[in-house]
């Protein structure tokens, strides 16, 4: 039992993998924000193209 307790203390004190997890979390958040911004940009662009199409249709008639 003594060996197991020492291993648990060593594992709990080991922080090497912590930064990797933090980077993955930050990368995930950046991806979510990027996707949301890209989607908003796409909707705005579609609206602008539809408005320009309406202006062109009015001019042609």
PDB file of N, CA and C in Angstrom:
ATOM      1  N   UNK A   1       0.813  -1.204   0.000  1.00  0.00           N
ATOM      2  CA  UNK A   1       0.000   0.000   0.000  1.00  0.00           C
ATOM      3  C   UNK A   1       0.848   1.257   0.000  1.00  0.00           C
ATOM      4  N   UNK A   2       2.008   1.161   0.583  1.00  0.00           N
ATOM      5  CA  UNK A   2       2.852   2.338   0.678  1.00  0.00           C
ATOM      6  C   UNK A   2       3.306   2.819  -0.709  1.00  0.00           C
ATOM      7  N   UNK A   3       3.602   1.895  -1.596  1.00  0.00           N
ATOM      8  CA  UNK A   3       4.039   2.249  -2.944  1.00  0.00           C
ATOM      9  C   UNK A   3       2.905   2.953  -3.690  1.00  0.00           C
ATOM     10  N   UNK A   4       1.696   2.468  -3.521  1.00  0.00           N
ATOM     11  CA  UNK A   4       0.552   3.072  -4.189  1.00  0.00           C
ATOM     12  C   UNK A   4       0.337   4.510  -3.712  1.00  0.00           C
ATOM     13  N   UNK A   5       0.441   4.759  -2.436  1.00  0.00           N
ATOM     14  CA  UNK A   5       0.267   6.104  -1.888  1.00  0.00           C
ATOM     15  C   UNK A   5       1.335   7.052  -2.415  1.00  0.00           C
ATOM     16  N   UNK A   6       2.572   6.575  -2.532  1.00  0.00           N
ATOM     17  CA  UNK A   6       3.640   7.414  -3.062  1.00  0.00           C
ATOM     18  C   UNK A   6       3.404   7.723  -4.537  1.00  0.00           C
ATOM     19  N   UNK A   7       2.923   6.759  -5.302  1.00  0.00           N
ATOM     20  CA  UNK A   7       2.618   6.984  -6.711  1.00  0.00           C
ATOM     21  C   UNK A   7       1.490   7.999  -6.885  1.00  0.00           C
ATOM     22  N   UNK A   8       0.487   7.927  -6.047  1.00  0.00           N
ATOM     23  CA  UNK A   8      -0.620   8.879  -6.118  1.00  0.00           C
ATOM     24  C   UNK A   8      -0.136  10.294  -5.827  1.00  0.00           C
ATOM     25  N   UNK A   9       0.721  10.445  -4.835  1.00  0.00           N
ATOM     26  CA  UNK A   9       1.259  11.771  -4.522  1.00  0.00           C
ATOM     27  C   UNK A   9       2.086  12.303  -5.684  1.00  0.00           C
ATOM     28  N   UNK A  10       2.864  11.430  -6.296  1.00  0.00           N
ATOM     29  CA  UNK A  10       3.677  11.838  -7.443  1.00  0.00           C
ATOM     30  C   UNK A  10       2.787  12.250  -8.612  1.00  0.00           C
ATOM     31  N   UNK A  11       1.761  11.485  -8.877  1.00  0.00           N
ATOM     32  CA  UNK A  11       0.863  11.813  -9.977  1.00  0.00           C
ATOM     33  C   UNK A  11       0.113  13.118  -9.731  1.00  0.00           C
ATOM     34  N   UNK A  12      -0.317  13.331  -8.509  1.00  0.00           N
ATOM     35  CA  UNK A  12      -1.040  14.567  -8.192  1.00  0.00           C
ATOM     36  C   UNK A  12      -0.129  15.789  -8.247  1.00  0.00           C
ATOM     37  N   UNK A  13       1.135  15.602  -7.966  1.00  0.00           N
ATOM     38  CA  UNK A  13       2.075  16.721  -7.990  1.00  0.00           C
ATOM     39  C   UNK A  13       2.582  17.013  -9.398  1.00  0.00           C
ATOM     40  N   UNK A  14       2.415  16.077 -10.334  1.00  0.00           N
ATOM     41  CA  UNK A  14       2.907  16.243 -11.703  1.00  0.00           C
ATOM     42  C   UNK A  14       1.997  17.203 -12.474  1.00  0.00           C
ATOM     43  N   UNK A  15       2.532  18.327 -12.897  1.00  0.00           N
ATOM     44  CA  UNK A  15       1.759  19.350 -13.602  1.00  0.00           C
ATOM     45  C   UNK A  15       2.168  19.485 -15.062  1.00  0.00           C
ATOM     46  N   UNK A  16       2.962  18.570 -15.589  1.00  0.00           N
ATOM     47  CA  UNK A  16       3.475  18.701 -16.954  1.00  0.00           C
ATOM     48  C   UNK A  16       2.381  18.678 -18.007  1.00  0.00           C
ATOM     49  N   UNK A  17       1.378  17.869 -17.858  1.00  0.00           N
ATOM     50  CA  UNK A  17       0.316  17.778 -18.851  1.00  0.00           C
ATOM     51  C   UNK A  17      -0.702  18.893 -18.745  1.00  0.00           C
ATOM     52  N   UNK A  18      -0.637  19.663 -17.699  1.00  0.00           N
ATOM     53  CA  UNK A  18      -1.615  20.714 -17.459  1.00  0.00           C
ATOM     54  C   UNK A  18      -1.573  21.783 -18.544  1.00  0.00           C
ATOM     55  N   UNK A  19      -0.398  22.205 -18.963  1.00  0.00           N
ATOM     56  CA  UNK A  19      -0.327  23.262 -19.973  1.00  0.00           C
ATOM     57  C   UNK A  19      -0.894  22.777 -21.304  1.00  0.00           C
ATOM     58  N   UNK A  20      -0.717  21.511 -21.631  1.00  0.00           N
ATOM     59  CA  UNK A  20      -1.273  20.975 -22.869  1.00  0.00           C
ATOM     60  C   UNK A  20      -2.796  21.064 -22.843  1.00  0.00           C
ATOM     61  N   UNK A  21      -3.384  20.707 -21.739  1.00  0.00           N
ATOM     62  CA  UNK A  21      -4.837  20.780 -21.604  1.00  0.00           C
ATOM     63  C   UNK A  21      -5.304  22.226 -21.706  1.00  0.00           C
ATOM     64  N   UNK A  22      -4.589  23.136 -21.094  1.00  0.00           N
ATOM     65  CA  UNK A  22      -4.952  24.552 -21.175  1.00  0.00           C
ATOM     66  C   UNK A  22      -4.891  25.051 -22.611  1.00  0.00           C
ATOM     67  N   UNK A  23      -3.864  24.663 -23.346  1.00  0.00           N
ATOM     68  CA  UNK A  23      -3.747  25.072 -24.742  1.00  0.00           C
ATOM     69  C   UNK A  23      -4.888  24.497 -25.580  1.00  0.00           C
ATOM     70  N   UNK A  24      -5.284  23.273 -25.306  1.00  0.00           N
ATOM     71  CA  UNK A  24      -6.387  22.665 -26.046  1.00  0.00           C
ATOM     72  C   UNK A  24      -7.690  23.402 -25.761  1.00  0.00           C
ATOM     73  N   UNK A  25      -7.908  23.779 -24.511  1.00  0.00           N
ATOM     74  CA  UNK A  25      -9.118  24.526 -24.154  1.00  0.00           C
ATOM     75  C   UNK A  25      -9.129  25.879 -24.850  1.00  0.00           C
ATOM     76  N   UNK A  26      -8.007  26.591 -24.829  1.00  0.00           N
ATOM     77  CA  UNK A  26      -7.928  27.894 -25.488  1.00  0.00           C
ATOM     78  C   UNK A  26      -8.130  27.739 -26.994  1.00  0.00           C
ATOM     79  N   UNK A  27      -7.537  26.727 -27.591  1.00  0.00           N
ATOM     80  CA  UNK A  27      -7.704  26.484 -29.019  1.00  0.00           C
ATOM     81  C   UNK A  27      -9.163  26.203 -29.356  1.00  0.00           C
ATOM     82  N   UNK A  28      -9.827  25.444 -28.514  1.00  0.00           N
ATOM     83  CA  UNK A  28     -11.249  25.167 -28.721  1.00  0.00           C
ATOM     84  C   UNK A  28     -12.092  26.427 -28.644  1.00  0.00           C
ATOM     85  N   UNK A  29     -11.800  27.287 -27.683  1.00  0.00           N
ATOM     86  CA  UNK A  29     -12.538  28.547 -27.554  1.00  0.00           C
ATOM     87  C   UNK A  29     -12.300  29.451 -28.756  1.00  0.00           C
ATOM     88  N   UNK A  30     -11.056  29.513 -29.225  1.00  0.00           N
ATOM     89  CA  UNK A  30     -10.744  30.316 -30.404  1.00  0.00           C
ATOM     90  C   UNK A  30     -11.493  29.783 -31.621  1.00  0.00           C
ATOM     91  N   UNK A  31     -11.566  28.470 -31.754  1.00  0.00           N
ATOM     92  CA  UNK A  31     -12.284  27.868 -32.878  1.00  0.00           C
ATOM     93  C   UNK A  31     -13.769  28.211 -32.825  1.00  0.00           C
ATOM     94  N   UNK A  32     -14.364  28.152 -31.644  1.00  0.00           N
ATOM     95  CA  UNK A  32     -15.791  28.475 -31.511  1.00  0.00           C
ATOM     96  C   UNK A  32     -16.049  29.931 -31.865  1.00  0.00           C
ATOM     97  N   UNK A  33     -15.210  30.823 -31.378  1.00  0.00           N
ATOM     98  CA  UNK A  33     -15.369  32.249 -31.686  1.00  0.00           C
ATOM     99  C   UNK A  33     -15.159  32.491 -33.178  1.00  0.00           C
ATOM    100  N   UNK A  34     -14.164  31.838 -33.760  1.00  0.00           N
ATOM    101  CA  UNK A  34     -13.900  31.995 -35.186  1.00  0.00           C
ATOM    102  C   UNK A  34     -15.055  31.511 -36.040  1.00  0.00           C
ATOM    103  N   UNK A  35     -15.629  30.377 -35.684  1.00  0.00           N
ATOM    104  CA  UNK A  35     -16.768  29.851 -36.442  1.00  0.00           C
ATOM    105  C   UNK A  35     -17.968  30.787 -36.325  1.00  0.00           C
ATOM    106  N   UNK A  36     -18.220  31.305 -35.141  1.00  0.00           N
ATOM    107  CA  UNK A  36     -19.345  32.231 -34.956  1.00  0.00           C
ATOM    108  C   UNK A  36     -19.134  33.510 -35.760  1.00  0.00           C
ATOM    109  N   UNK A  37     -17.924  34.030 -35.744  1.00  0.00           N
ATOM    110  CA  UNK A  37     -17.629  35.251 -36.504  1.00  0.00           C
ATOM    111  C   UNK A  37     -17.757  34.996 -38.006  1.00  0.00           C
ATOM    112  N   UNK A  38     -17.265  33.852 -38.465  1.00  0.00           N
ATOM    113  CA  UNK A  38     -17.358  33.514 -39.887  1.00  0.00           C
ATOM    114  C   UNK A  38     -18.818  33.372 -40.320  1.00  0.00           C
ATOM    115  N   UNK A  39     -19.636  32.767 -39.476  1.00  0.00           N
ATOM    116  CA  UNK A  39     -21.048  32.610 -39.787  1.00  0.00           C
ATOM    117  C   UNK A  39     -21.725  33.978 -39.858  1.00  0.00           C
ATOM    118  N   UNK A  40     -21.416  34.861 -38.917  1.00  0.00           N
ATOM    119  CA  UNK A  40     -22.000  36.199 -38.930  1.00  0.00           C
ATOM    120  C   UNK A  40     -21.557  36.963 -40.172  1.00  0.00           C
ATOM    121  N   UNK A  41     -20.293  36.839 -40.537  1.00  0.00           N
ATOM    122  CA  UNK A  41     -19.772  37.498 -41.735  1.00  0.00           C
ATOM    123  C   UNK A  41     -20.495  36.984 -42.970  1.00  0.00           C
ATOM    124  N   UNK A  42     -20.732  35.683 -43.031  1.00  0.00           N
ATOM    125  CA  UNK A  42     -21.431  35.096 -44.173  1.00  0.00           C
ATOM    126  C   UNK A  42     -22.850  35.605 -44.292  1.00  0.00           C
ATOM    127  N   UNK A  43     -23.546  35.710 -43.171  1.00  0.00           N
ATOM    128  CA  UNK A  43     -24.915  36.227 -43.199  1.00  0.00           C
ATOM    129  C   UNK A  43     -24.938  37.683 -43.641  1.00  0.00           C
ATOM    130  N   UNK A  44     -23.996  38.472 -43.186  1.00  0.00           N
ATOM    131  CA  UNK A  44     -23.909  39.876 -43.586  1.00  0.00           C
ATOM    132  C   UNK A  44     -23.614  39.979 -45.075  1.00  0.00           C
ATOM    133  N   UNK A  45     -22.703  39.154 -45.551  1.00  0.00           N
ATOM    134  CA  UNK A  45     -22.338  39.165 -46.967  1.00  0.00           C
ATOM    135  C   UNK A  45     -23.524  38.767 -47.836  1.00  0.00           C
ATOM    136  N   UNK A  46     -24.271  37.768 -47.425  1.00  0.00           N
ATOM    137  CA  UNK A  46     -25.459  37.350 -48.181  1.00  0.00           C
ATOM    138  C   UNK A  46     -26.469  38.496 -48.242  1.00  0.00           C
ATOM    139  N   UNK A  47     -26.660  39.182 -47.136  1.00  0.00           N
ATOM    140  CA  UNK A  47     -27.578  40.329 -47.109  1.00  0.00           C
ATOM    141  C   UNK A  47     -27.137  41.437 -48.046  1.00  0.00           C
ATOM    142  N   UNK A  48     -25.848  41.702 -48.072  1.00  0.00           N
ATOM    143  CA  UNK A  48     -25.332  42.754 -48.961  1.00  0.00           C
ATOM    144  C   UNK A  48     -25.493  42.378 -50.432  1.00  0.00           C
ATOM    145  N   UNK A  49     -25.232  41.125 -50.762  1.00  0.00           N
ATOM    146  CA  UNK A  49     -25.379  40.669 -52.145  1.00  0.00           C
ATOM    147  C   UNK A  49     -26.843  40.720 -52.564  1.00  0.00           C
ATOM    148  N   UNK A  50     -27.750  40.327 -51.695  1.00  0.00           N
ATOM    149  CA  UNK A  50     -29.174  40.384 -52.027  1.00  0.00           C
ATOM    150  C   UNK A  50     -29.634  41.833 -52.208  1.00  0.00           C
ATOM    151  N   UNK A  51     -29.123  42.741 -51.387  1.00  0.00           N
ATOM    152  CA  UNK A  51     -29.478  44.152 -51.531  1.00  0.00           C
ATOM    153  C   UNK A  51     -28.945  44.702 -52.853  1.00  0.00           C
ATOM    154  N   UNK A  52     -27.720  44.354 -53.199  1.00  0.00           N
ATOM    155  CA  UNK A  52     -27.149  44.812 -54.468  1.00  0.00           C
ATOM    156  C   UNK A  52     -27.928  44.236 -55.642  1.00  0.00           C
ATOM    157  N   UNK A  53     -28.374  43.003 -55.522  1.00  0.00           N
ATOM    158  CA  UNK A  53     -29.180  42.382 -56.572  1.00  0.00           C
ATOM    159  C   UNK A  53     -30.483  43.150 -56.762  1.00  0.00           C
ATOM    160  N   UNK A  54     -31.072  43.584 -55.665  1.00  0.00           N
ATOM    161  CA  UNK A  54     -32.300  44.375 -55.746  1.00  0.00           C
ATOM    162  C   UNK A  54     -32.064  45.714 -56.419  1.00  0.00           C
ATOM    163  N   UNK A  55     -30.959  46.368 -56.100  1.00  0.00           N
ATOM    164  CA  UNK A  55     -30.635  47.654 -56.731  1.00  0.00           C
ATOM    165  C   UNK A  55     -30.410  47.486 -58.223  1.00  0.00           C
ATOM    166  N   UNK A  56     -29.713  46.439 -58.607  1.00  0.00           N
ATOM    167  CA  UNK A  56     -29.430  46.191 -60.025  1.00  0.00           C
ATOM    168  C   UNK A  56     -30.731  45.880 -60.768  1.00  0.00           C
ATOM    169  N   UNK A  57     -31.610  45.105 -60.152  1.00  0.00           N
ATOM    170  CA  UNK A  57     -32.887  44.783 -60.788  1.00  0.00           C
ATOM    171  C   UNK A  57     -33.716  46.041 -60.991  1.00  0.00           C
ATOM    172  N   UNK A  58     -33.674  46.983 -60.052  1.00  0.00           N
ATOM    173  CA  UNK A  58     -34.418  48.241 -60.196  1.00  0.00           C
ATOM    174  C   UNK A  58     -33.843  49.099 -61.307  1.00  0.00           C
ATOM    175  N   UNK A  59     -32.545  49.120 -61.462  1.00  0.00           N
ATOM    176  CA  UNK A  59     -31.895  49.935 -62.482  1.00  0.00           C
ATOM    177  C   UNK A  59     -32.171  49.389 -63.879  1.00  0.00           C
ATOM    178  N   UNK A  60     -32.157  48.071 -64.006  1.00  0.00           N
ATOM    179  CA  UNK A  60     -32.342  47.432 -65.312  1.00  0.00           C
ATOM    180  C   UNK A  60     -33.766  47.646 -65.820  1.00  0.00           C
ATOM    181  N   UNK A  61     -34.748  47.669 -64.958  1.00  0.00           N
ATOM    182  CA  UNK A  61     -36.136  47.824 -65.395  1.00  0.00           C
ATOM    183  C   UNK A  61     -36.342  49.213 -65.821  1.00  0.00           C
TER     184      UNK A  61
END
